[in-house]
N, C-alpha and C. Protein backbone atom coordinates (compact mmCIF):
# COMPACT_ATOMS: atom_id res chain seq x y z
N MET A 1 0.83 -1.18 0.00
CA MET A 1 0.00 0.00 0.00
C MET A 1 0.87 1.23 0.00
N THR A 2 0.32 2.31 -0.45
CA THR A 2 1.04 3.56 -0.37
C THR A 2 0.96 4.06 1.06
N TYR A 3 0.77 5.32 1.24
CA TYR A 3 0.77 5.90 2.58
C TYR A 3 -0.53 6.67 2.82
N ILE A 4 -0.72 7.07 4.06
CA ILE A 4 -1.82 7.95 4.43
C ILE A 4 -1.22 9.31 4.75
N LEU A 5 -1.77 10.34 4.14
CA LEU A 5 -1.27 11.69 4.34
C LEU A 5 -2.09 12.40 5.41
N ILE A 6 -1.38 12.99 6.36
CA ILE A 6 -2.00 13.82 7.40
C ILE A 6 -1.55 15.25 7.14
N VAL A 7 -2.50 16.14 6.91
CA VAL A 7 -2.20 17.56 6.74
C VAL A 7 -2.82 18.27 7.94
N GLU A 8 -1.98 18.57 8.91
CA GLU A 8 -2.47 19.07 10.21
C GLU A 8 -1.39 19.94 10.84
N ASP A 9 -1.72 21.19 11.16
CA ASP A 9 -0.75 22.09 11.78
C ASP A 9 -0.63 21.90 13.28
N ASN A 10 -1.65 21.38 13.93
CA ASN A 10 -1.60 21.15 15.36
C ASN A 10 -0.86 19.84 15.61
N LEU A 11 0.33 19.96 16.18
CA LEU A 11 1.18 18.77 16.35
C LEU A 11 0.58 17.73 17.28
N ASP A 12 -0.17 18.16 18.28
CA ASP A 12 -0.83 17.19 19.17
C ASP A 12 -1.85 16.36 18.41
N ASN A 13 -2.69 17.03 17.60
CA ASN A 13 -3.68 16.30 16.80
C ASN A 13 -3.00 15.37 15.79
N ALA A 14 -1.95 15.86 15.16
CA ALA A 14 -1.22 15.04 14.19
C ALA A 14 -0.61 13.81 14.86
N GLU A 15 -0.08 14.00 16.07
CA GLU A 15 0.54 12.89 16.80
C GLU A 15 -0.50 11.84 17.20
N ILE A 16 -1.64 12.28 17.69
CA ILE A 16 -2.70 11.35 18.08
C ILE A 16 -3.16 10.54 16.86
N LEU A 17 -3.41 11.22 15.77
CA LEU A 17 -3.84 10.53 14.56
C LEU A 17 -2.76 9.58 14.06
N SER A 18 -1.51 10.00 14.12
CA SER A 18 -0.39 9.15 13.72
C SER A 18 -0.32 7.88 14.55
N ILE A 19 -0.52 8.02 15.83
CA ILE A 19 -0.48 6.85 16.73
C ILE A 19 -1.58 5.86 16.36
N TYR A 20 -2.79 6.38 16.11
CA TYR A 20 -3.89 5.50 15.71
C TYR A 20 -3.56 4.75 14.43
N LEU A 21 -3.04 5.47 13.44
CA LEU A 21 -2.75 4.86 12.14
C LEU A 21 -1.58 3.89 12.23
N GLN A 22 -0.55 4.27 12.95
CA GLN A 22 0.61 3.39 13.09
C GLN A 22 0.29 2.14 13.90
N SER A 23 -0.70 2.23 14.78
CA SER A 23 -1.11 1.04 15.53
C SER A 23 -1.71 -0.01 14.60
N GLN A 24 -2.11 0.42 13.42
CA GLN A 24 -2.66 -0.49 12.41
C GLN A 24 -1.64 -0.80 11.33
N ASP A 25 -0.38 -0.50 11.61
CA ASP A 25 0.74 -0.75 10.68
C ASP A 25 0.58 -0.01 9.36
N LEU A 26 0.03 1.17 9.41
CA LEU A 26 -0.15 1.97 8.20
C LEU A 26 0.95 3.01 8.08
N PRO A 27 1.58 3.10 6.93
CA PRO A 27 2.61 4.13 6.73
C PRO A 27 1.95 5.50 6.58
N ILE A 28 2.57 6.50 7.17
CA ILE A 28 2.00 7.85 7.11
C ILE A 28 3.06 8.85 6.68
N LYS A 29 2.58 9.98 6.18
CA LYS A 29 3.40 11.17 5.96
C LYS A 29 2.60 12.32 6.57
N HIS A 30 3.32 13.24 7.17
CA HIS A 30 2.67 14.38 7.82
C HIS A 30 3.20 15.68 7.22
N LEU A 31 2.29 16.57 6.88
CA LEU A 31 2.64 17.93 6.47
C LEU A 31 1.96 18.88 7.44
N PRO A 32 2.71 19.83 8.03
CA PRO A 32 2.12 20.76 8.98
C PRO A 32 1.40 21.95 8.33
N SER A 33 1.44 22.01 7.01
CA SER A 33 0.74 23.07 6.29
C SER A 33 0.33 22.54 4.93
N GLY A 34 -0.40 23.34 4.19
CA GLY A 34 -0.84 22.93 2.87
C GLY A 34 0.14 23.26 1.77
N HIS A 35 1.27 23.84 2.14
CA HIS A 35 2.23 24.36 1.17
C HIS A 35 2.67 23.35 0.11
N ASN A 36 3.01 22.14 0.50
CA ASN A 36 3.54 21.15 -0.45
C ASN A 36 2.57 20.02 -0.79
N VAL A 37 1.33 20.16 -0.39
CA VAL A 37 0.36 19.08 -0.58
C VAL A 37 0.21 18.70 -2.05
N LEU A 38 -0.03 19.67 -2.91
CA LEU A 38 -0.27 19.36 -4.32
C LEU A 38 0.93 18.72 -4.98
N ASN A 39 2.13 19.20 -4.66
CA ASN A 39 3.33 18.60 -5.23
C ASN A 39 3.49 17.15 -4.76
N LEU A 40 3.28 16.91 -3.48
CA LEU A 40 3.43 15.57 -2.92
C LEU A 40 2.42 14.60 -3.51
N ILE A 41 1.16 14.98 -3.52
CA ILE A 41 0.14 14.03 -3.99
C ILE A 41 0.22 13.79 -5.49
N THR A 42 0.77 14.75 -6.23
CA THR A 42 0.96 14.55 -7.67
C THR A 42 2.11 13.58 -7.91
N ALA A 43 3.19 13.73 -7.16
CA ALA A 43 4.35 12.86 -7.32
C ALA A 43 4.09 11.46 -6.76
N GLN A 44 3.40 11.40 -5.65
CA GLN A 44 3.16 10.12 -4.98
C GLN A 44 1.79 10.17 -4.29
N PRO A 45 0.73 9.79 -5.00
CA PRO A 45 -0.62 9.87 -4.42
C PRO A 45 -0.77 8.97 -3.19
N PRO A 46 -1.38 9.48 -2.14
CA PRO A 46 -1.65 8.66 -0.96
C PRO A 46 -2.91 7.82 -1.16
N ALA A 47 -3.10 6.87 -0.27
CA ALA A 47 -4.32 6.05 -0.28
C ALA A 47 -5.48 6.80 0.36
N LEU A 48 -5.17 7.74 1.25
CA LEU A 48 -6.19 8.44 2.04
C LEU A 48 -5.55 9.72 2.58
N ILE A 49 -6.36 10.78 2.68
CA ILE A 49 -5.87 12.04 3.23
C ILE A 49 -6.75 12.47 4.40
N PHE A 50 -6.10 12.81 5.52
CA PHE A 50 -6.76 13.48 6.63
C PHE A 50 -6.31 14.94 6.57
N MET A 51 -7.26 15.87 6.37
CA MET A 51 -6.92 17.26 6.13
C MET A 51 -7.62 18.18 7.12
N ASP A 52 -6.82 18.95 7.84
CA ASP A 52 -7.38 19.99 8.71
C ASP A 52 -7.96 21.08 7.82
N ILE A 53 -9.05 21.67 8.24
CA ILE A 53 -9.65 22.77 7.48
C ILE A 53 -8.87 24.06 7.69
N ASN A 54 -8.50 24.34 8.93
CA ASN A 54 -7.85 25.61 9.27
C ASN A 54 -6.35 25.46 9.34
N LEU A 55 -5.71 25.55 8.19
CA LEU A 55 -4.26 25.47 8.11
C LEU A 55 -3.68 26.88 8.13
N PRO A 56 -2.43 27.02 8.55
CA PRO A 56 -1.86 28.37 8.66
C PRO A 56 -1.71 29.08 7.31
N ASP A 57 -1.60 28.33 6.23
CA ASP A 57 -1.35 28.95 4.93
C ASP A 57 -2.42 28.67 3.89
N ASN A 58 -3.36 27.81 4.19
CA ASN A 58 -4.40 27.42 3.24
C ASN A 58 -5.68 27.05 3.96
N ASP A 59 -6.76 27.12 3.24
CA ASP A 59 -8.03 26.60 3.70
C ASP A 59 -8.10 25.16 3.22
N GLY A 60 -8.26 24.22 4.14
CA GLY A 60 -8.29 22.81 3.78
C GLY A 60 -9.39 22.47 2.78
N ARG A 61 -10.49 23.21 2.83
CA ARG A 61 -11.57 22.97 1.86
C ARG A 61 -11.13 23.33 0.45
N VAL A 62 -10.40 24.43 0.32
CA VAL A 62 -9.89 24.83 -1.00
C VAL A 62 -8.87 23.81 -1.49
N LEU A 63 -8.01 23.36 -0.61
CA LEU A 63 -7.04 22.32 -0.99
C LEU A 63 -7.75 21.05 -1.44
N CYS A 64 -8.81 20.72 -0.75
CA CYS A 64 -9.61 19.55 -1.10
C CYS A 64 -10.11 19.67 -2.55
N LEU A 65 -10.65 20.81 -2.87
CA LEU A 65 -11.14 21.07 -4.22
C LEU A 65 -10.01 20.99 -5.24
N MET A 66 -8.87 21.56 -4.91
CA MET A 66 -7.72 21.54 -5.82
C MET A 66 -7.21 20.12 -6.06
N ILE A 67 -7.19 19.31 -5.00
CA ILE A 67 -6.76 17.92 -5.13
C ILE A 67 -7.71 17.16 -6.05
N LYS A 68 -9.00 17.33 -5.82
CA LYS A 68 -9.99 16.62 -6.64
C LYS A 68 -9.89 17.05 -8.10
N LYS A 69 -9.67 18.34 -8.35
CA LYS A 69 -9.53 18.81 -9.73
C LYS A 69 -8.25 18.28 -10.37
N ARG A 70 -7.16 18.28 -9.61
CA ARG A 70 -5.88 17.85 -10.17
C ARG A 70 -5.86 16.35 -10.46
N LEU A 71 -6.36 15.54 -9.54
CA LEU A 71 -6.26 14.09 -9.70
C LEU A 71 -7.51 13.45 -10.28
N GLY A 72 -8.60 14.17 -10.32
CA GLY A 72 -9.83 13.64 -10.91
C GLY A 72 -10.24 12.32 -10.28
N ASN A 73 -10.50 11.32 -11.13
CA ASN A 73 -10.93 9.99 -10.65
C ASN A 73 -9.88 9.30 -9.79
N MET A 74 -8.64 9.73 -9.91
CA MET A 74 -7.54 9.10 -9.17
C MET A 74 -7.34 9.74 -7.79
N ALA A 75 -8.13 10.74 -7.45
CA ALA A 75 -7.99 11.41 -6.15
C ALA A 75 -8.33 10.44 -5.03
N PRO A 76 -7.50 10.45 -3.99
CA PRO A 76 -7.82 9.60 -2.84
C PRO A 76 -8.98 10.18 -2.05
N PRO A 77 -9.62 9.37 -1.22
CA PRO A 77 -10.64 9.92 -0.32
C PRO A 77 -10.00 10.96 0.61
N ILE A 78 -10.75 12.02 0.87
CA ILE A 78 -10.26 13.08 1.75
C ILE A 78 -11.22 13.23 2.92
N ILE A 79 -10.65 13.13 4.12
CA ILE A 79 -11.40 13.30 5.35
C ILE A 79 -10.98 14.66 5.91
N VAL A 80 -11.90 15.61 5.93
CA VAL A 80 -11.58 16.92 6.49
C VAL A 80 -11.92 16.91 7.98
N MET A 81 -11.07 17.62 8.73
CA MET A 81 -11.20 17.64 10.18
C MET A 81 -11.22 19.09 10.66
N THR A 82 -12.03 19.35 11.68
CA THR A 82 -12.05 20.68 12.28
C THR A 82 -12.66 20.62 13.67
N ALA A 83 -12.29 21.60 14.46
CA ALA A 83 -12.94 21.80 15.75
C ALA A 83 -14.04 22.84 15.61
N GLY A 84 -14.28 23.28 14.37
CA GLY A 84 -15.24 24.34 14.10
C GLY A 84 -16.70 23.95 14.17
N GLY A 85 -16.97 22.68 14.33
CA GLY A 85 -18.35 22.23 14.47
C GLY A 85 -19.03 21.90 13.15
N ASP A 86 -20.27 21.46 13.27
CA ASP A 86 -21.04 20.99 12.12
C ASP A 86 -21.35 22.06 11.08
N SER A 87 -21.24 23.33 11.44
CA SER A 87 -21.50 24.39 10.47
C SER A 87 -20.49 24.36 9.32
N CYS A 88 -19.36 23.72 9.54
CA CYS A 88 -18.32 23.61 8.51
C CYS A 88 -18.55 22.42 7.58
N LYS A 89 -19.48 21.55 7.92
CA LYS A 89 -19.64 20.30 7.18
C LYS A 89 -20.11 20.51 5.74
N SER A 90 -21.19 21.20 5.53
CA SER A 90 -21.73 21.37 4.17
C SER A 90 -20.74 22.01 3.22
N PRO A 91 -20.06 23.12 3.62
CA PRO A 91 -19.07 23.70 2.71
C PRO A 91 -17.93 22.73 2.38
N ALA A 92 -17.51 21.95 3.35
CA ALA A 92 -16.41 21.00 3.11
C ALA A 92 -16.83 19.91 2.12
N ILE A 93 -18.00 19.37 2.30
CA ILE A 93 -18.50 18.32 1.40
C ILE A 93 -18.71 18.91 0.00
N ALA A 94 -19.21 20.14 -0.07
CA ALA A 94 -19.44 20.80 -1.37
C ALA A 94 -18.14 21.01 -2.13
N MET A 95 -17.02 21.12 -1.42
CA MET A 95 -15.74 21.35 -2.07
C MET A 95 -14.95 20.06 -2.29
N GLY A 96 -15.59 18.92 -2.08
CA GLY A 96 -14.97 17.67 -2.46
C GLY A 96 -14.57 16.72 -1.35
N ALA A 97 -14.76 17.12 -0.10
CA ALA A 97 -14.42 16.21 1.00
C ALA A 97 -15.34 15.00 0.95
N ASP A 98 -14.77 13.85 1.23
CA ASP A 98 -15.56 12.62 1.26
C ASP A 98 -16.21 12.41 2.62
N VAL A 99 -15.53 12.87 3.67
CA VAL A 99 -16.02 12.70 5.04
C VAL A 99 -15.66 13.94 5.83
N PHE A 100 -16.53 14.32 6.73
CA PHE A 100 -16.30 15.42 7.66
C PHE A 100 -16.15 14.84 9.05
N LEU A 101 -15.10 15.24 9.77
CA LEU A 101 -14.81 14.70 11.09
C LEU A 101 -14.59 15.84 12.07
N ASN A 102 -15.41 15.88 13.12
CA ASN A 102 -15.23 16.88 14.17
C ASN A 102 -14.08 16.48 15.08
N LYS A 103 -13.33 17.47 15.55
CA LYS A 103 -12.31 17.27 16.57
C LYS A 103 -12.94 17.67 17.91
N PRO A 104 -12.56 17.03 18.97
CA PRO A 104 -11.63 15.92 19.03
C PRO A 104 -12.27 14.64 18.52
N PHE A 105 -11.47 13.84 17.87
CA PHE A 105 -11.97 12.56 17.34
C PHE A 105 -11.50 11.43 18.25
N LYS A 106 -12.14 10.32 18.11
CA LYS A 106 -11.82 9.15 18.93
C LYS A 106 -11.23 8.05 18.05
N ALA A 107 -10.48 7.17 18.66
CA ALA A 107 -9.85 6.07 17.93
C ALA A 107 -10.88 5.26 17.15
N ALA A 108 -12.03 4.99 17.74
CA ALA A 108 -13.05 4.19 17.07
C ALA A 108 -13.51 4.85 15.77
N GLN A 109 -13.59 6.17 15.75
CA GLN A 109 -13.97 6.87 14.52
C GLN A 109 -12.92 6.68 13.43
N ILE A 110 -11.67 6.77 13.81
CA ILE A 110 -10.57 6.62 12.84
C ILE A 110 -10.56 5.19 12.31
N PHE A 111 -10.70 4.21 13.18
CA PHE A 111 -10.69 2.82 12.74
C PHE A 111 -11.87 2.51 11.83
N LYS A 112 -13.01 3.10 12.10
CA LYS A 112 -14.19 2.92 11.23
C LYS A 112 -13.91 3.50 9.84
N LEU A 113 -13.27 4.66 9.79
CA LEU A 113 -12.92 5.26 8.50
C LEU A 113 -11.92 4.39 7.74
N LEU A 114 -10.99 3.79 8.45
CA LEU A 114 -10.04 2.88 7.80
C LEU A 114 -10.77 1.69 7.20
N GLU A 115 -11.73 1.14 7.93
CA GLU A 115 -12.51 0.02 7.40
C GLU A 115 -13.25 0.42 6.14
N THR A 116 -13.69 1.66 6.08
CA THR A 116 -14.44 2.15 4.92
C THR A 116 -13.54 2.37 3.71
N PHE A 117 -12.35 2.91 3.92
CA PHE A 117 -11.54 3.37 2.80
C PHE A 117 -10.28 2.57 2.48
N ILE A 118 -9.82 1.75 3.40
CA ILE A 118 -8.59 0.98 3.17
C ILE A 118 -8.94 -0.50 3.18
N PRO A 119 -8.57 -1.24 2.14
CA PRO A 119 -8.87 -2.68 2.12
C PRO A 119 -8.32 -3.38 3.37
N ALA A 120 -9.12 -4.23 3.95
CA ALA A 120 -8.80 -4.90 5.21
C ALA A 120 -7.45 -5.61 5.19
N GLU A 121 -7.09 -6.18 4.05
CA GLU A 121 -5.82 -6.91 4.00
C GLU A 121 -4.62 -5.99 4.07
N GLU A 122 -4.84 -4.68 3.98
CA GLU A 122 -3.72 -3.74 3.99
C GLU A 122 -3.42 -3.16 5.36
N TYR A 123 -4.22 -3.48 6.34
CA TYR A 123 -3.90 -3.00 7.67
C TYR A 123 -4.27 -4.03 8.72
N ASN A 124 -3.70 -3.83 9.90
CA ASN A 124 -3.83 -4.75 11.02
C ASN A 124 -5.04 -4.39 11.85
N LYS A 125 -6.15 -5.08 11.66
CA LYS A 125 -7.32 -4.81 12.49
C LYS A 125 -7.09 -5.39 13.88
N GLU A 126 -7.42 -4.59 14.88
CA GLU A 126 -7.30 -5.09 16.26
C GLU A 126 -8.64 -5.48 16.79
């Protein structure tokens, strides 16, 4: 399998998500901003993206739209995350997000998303 991309400026949130994913033997890459996202996903597309909406240099929803436009049918599923509440959900989905996730998130939510988007044989279900 390729990797799972985490685009998250909050290092605590990125670390928690990384721990959940690594506990399932999934390779990850982390970017603390949206600056290099398009270059990275074009050169090496991930299997799944977890994207914060409120990045220091970009709006995660706009990045979501740009990814979907650039990769088209080959775009990986994108899970947008925010502590901004449900009012952010409709705009995120309208701009191409596959799933909206409120922070703080729980391990069970992440594992359920993995079951949905990553073939079972590619990760270690506990």
